[in-house]
């Protein structure tokens, strides 16, 4: 059985500073408050939105699942709000 450096330190009584957790992917910007992006969600297919805005397929799919009524409501909120 292999021990982690934290387990070894615990056994020997030493202190080991905790490391920052690793990030598996970089955060991408969300455009859900951008009126142009919202208009594109209503008009363009997912692949074209991905190409134009550089967002992942999952994000586009999640945003499109809001439905047209919700997207229009958000668009009005962003434009007037």
C-alpha atoms as a PDB file:
ATOM      1  CA  UNK A   1       0.000   0.000   0.000  1.00  0.00           C
ATOM      2  CA  UNK A   2       1.340   3.412  -0.958  1.00  0.00           C
ATOM      3  CA  UNK A   3       0.895   6.395   1.300  1.00  0.00           C
ATOM      4  CA  UNK A   4       0.295   9.929   0.113  1.00  0.00           C
ATOM      5  CA  UNK A   5       2.652  12.628   1.327  1.00  0.00           C
ATOM      6  CA  UNK A   6      -0.115  13.839   3.626  1.00  0.00           C
ATOM      7  CA  UNK A   7      -0.523  10.397   5.189  1.00  0.00           C
ATOM      8  CA  UNK A   8       3.267  10.103   5.624  1.00  0.00           C
ATOM      9  CA  UNK A   9       3.421  13.520   7.243  1.00  0.00           C
ATOM     10  CA  UNK A  10       0.628  12.551   9.606  1.00  0.00           C
ATOM     11  CA  UNK A  11       2.543   9.437  10.678  1.00  0.00           C
ATOM     12  CA  UNK A  12       5.825  11.303  11.183  1.00  0.00           C
ATOM     13  CA  UNK A  13       4.251  14.373  12.762  1.00  0.00           C
ATOM     14  CA  UNK A  14       5.468  16.772  10.074  1.00  0.00           C
ATOM     15  CA  UNK A  15       3.301  19.430   8.531  1.00  0.00           C
ATOM     16  CA  UNK A  16       2.726  19.617   4.800  1.00  0.00           C
ATOM     17  CA  UNK A  17       1.054  22.687   3.305  1.00  0.00           C
ATOM     18  CA  UNK A  18      -2.112  21.905   1.378  1.00  0.00           C
ATOM     19  CA  UNK A  19      -1.902  22.426  -2.367  1.00  0.00           C
ATOM     20  CA  UNK A  20      -4.426  24.172  -4.526  1.00  0.00           C
ATOM     21  CA  UNK A  21      -6.812  21.746  -6.228  1.00  0.00           C
ATOM     22  CA  UNK A  22      -6.018  21.121  -9.875  1.00  0.00           C
ATOM     23  CA  UNK A  23      -8.352  22.497 -12.471  1.00  0.00           C
ATOM     24  CA  UNK A  24      -9.098  19.972 -15.173  1.00  0.00           C
ATOM     25  CA  UNK A  25     -10.321  22.563 -17.667  1.00  0.00           C
ATOM     26  CA  UNK A  26     -10.229  26.281 -18.117  1.00  0.00           C
ATOM     27  CA  UNK A  27     -13.374  28.253 -17.519  1.00  0.00           C
ATOM     28  CA  UNK A  28     -15.021  29.521 -20.606  1.00  0.00           C
ATOM     29  CA  UNK A  29     -17.009  32.721 -20.704  1.00  0.00           C
ATOM     30  CA  UNK A  30     -20.769  32.468 -20.641  1.00  0.00           C
ATOM     31  CA  UNK A  31     -22.654  34.718 -22.975  1.00  0.00           C
ATOM     32  CA  UNK A  32     -26.109  34.215 -21.479  1.00  0.00           C
ATOM     33  CA  UNK A  33     -26.369  37.959 -20.774  1.00  0.00           C
ATOM     34  CA  UNK A  34     -25.253  38.973 -24.260  1.00  0.00           C
ATOM     35  CA  UNK A  35     -28.230  39.986 -26.442  1.00  0.00           C
ATOM     36  CA  UNK A  36     -26.497  38.907 -29.681  1.00  0.00           C
ATOM     37  CA  UNK A  37     -25.849  35.437 -28.259  1.00  0.00           C
ATOM     38  CA  UNK A  38     -29.469  35.132 -27.127  1.00  0.00           C
ATOM     39  CA  UNK A  39     -30.690  36.117 -30.603  1.00  0.00           C
ATOM     40  CA  UNK A  40     -28.363  33.508 -32.121  1.00  0.00           C
ATOM     41  CA  UNK A  41     -29.796  30.870 -29.760  1.00  0.00           C
ATOM     42  CA  UNK A  42     -33.209  31.559 -31.281  1.00  0.00           C
ATOM     43  CA  UNK A  43     -32.020  31.534 -34.904  1.00  0.00           C
ATOM     44  CA  UNK A  44     -28.919  29.398 -35.436  1.00  0.00           C
ATOM     45  CA  UNK A  45     -28.305  25.660 -35.064  1.00  0.00           C
ATOM     46  CA  UNK A  46     -26.014  24.504 -32.238  1.00  0.00           C
ATOM     47  CA  UNK A  47     -22.949  23.868 -34.439  1.00  0.00           C
ATOM     48  CA  UNK A  48     -22.993  27.400 -35.847  1.00  0.00           C
ATOM     49  CA  UNK A  49     -23.353  28.886 -32.347  1.00  0.00           C
ATOM     50  CA  UNK A  50     -20.384  26.807 -31.194  1.00  0.00           C
ATOM     51  CA  UNK A  51     -18.278  28.012 -34.126  1.00  0.00           C
ATOM     52  CA  UNK A  52     -19.272  31.661 -33.800  1.00  0.00           C
ATOM     53  CA  UNK A  53     -19.055  32.009 -30.013  1.00  0.00           C
ATOM     54  CA  UNK A  54     -16.469  29.366 -29.108  1.00  0.00           C
ATOM     55  CA  UNK A  55     -18.619  27.687 -26.468  1.00  0.00           C
ATOM     56  CA  UNK A  56     -18.811  23.957 -25.882  1.00  0.00           C
ATOM     57  CA  UNK A  57     -21.659  21.813 -27.169  1.00  0.00           C
ATOM     58  CA  UNK A  58     -22.955  21.118 -23.663  1.00  0.00           C
ATOM     59  CA  UNK A  59     -23.342  24.826 -22.919  1.00  0.00           C
ATOM     60  CA  UNK A  60     -25.203  25.450 -26.174  1.00  0.00           C
ATOM     61  CA  UNK A  61     -27.481  22.477 -25.578  1.00  0.00           C
ATOM     62  CA  UNK A  62     -28.215  23.600 -22.029  1.00  0.00           C
ATOM     63  CA  UNK A  63     -28.993  27.130 -23.185  1.00  0.00           C
ATOM     64  CA  UNK A  64     -31.228  25.914 -26.017  1.00  0.00           C
ATOM     65  CA  UNK A  65     -33.172  23.775 -23.554  1.00  0.00           C
ATOM     66  CA  UNK A  66     -34.416  26.973 -21.907  1.00  0.00           C
ATOM     67  CA  UNK A  67     -36.913  27.145 -24.736  1.00  0.00           C
ATOM     68  CA  UNK A  68     -37.775  30.062 -26.989  1.00  0.00           C
ATOM     69  CA  UNK A  69     -40.123  31.696 -24.469  1.00  0.00           C
ATOM     70  CA  UNK A  70     -37.467  31.751 -21.743  1.00  0.00           C
ATOM     71  CA  UNK A  71     -34.755  32.951 -24.159  1.00  0.00           C
ATOM     72  CA  UNK A  72     -37.026  35.806 -25.354  1.00  0.00           C
ATOM     73  CA  UNK A  73     -37.760  36.734 -21.724  1.00  0.00           C
ATOM     74  CA  UNK A  74     -34.037  36.839 -20.931  1.00  0.00           C
ATOM     75  CA  UNK A  75     -33.371  38.859 -24.085  1.00  0.00           C
ATOM     76  CA  UNK A  76     -35.977  41.442 -23.098  1.00  0.00           C
ATOM     77  CA  UNK A  77     -34.563  41.542 -19.571  1.00  0.00           C
ATOM     78  CA  UNK A  78     -31.016  42.148 -20.853  1.00  0.00           C
ATOM     79  CA  UNK A  79     -32.046  44.775 -23.418  1.00  0.00           C
ATOM     80  CA  UNK A  80     -34.317  46.734 -21.086  1.00  0.00           C
ATOM     81  CA  UNK A  81     -32.823  45.964 -17.772  1.00  0.00           C
END
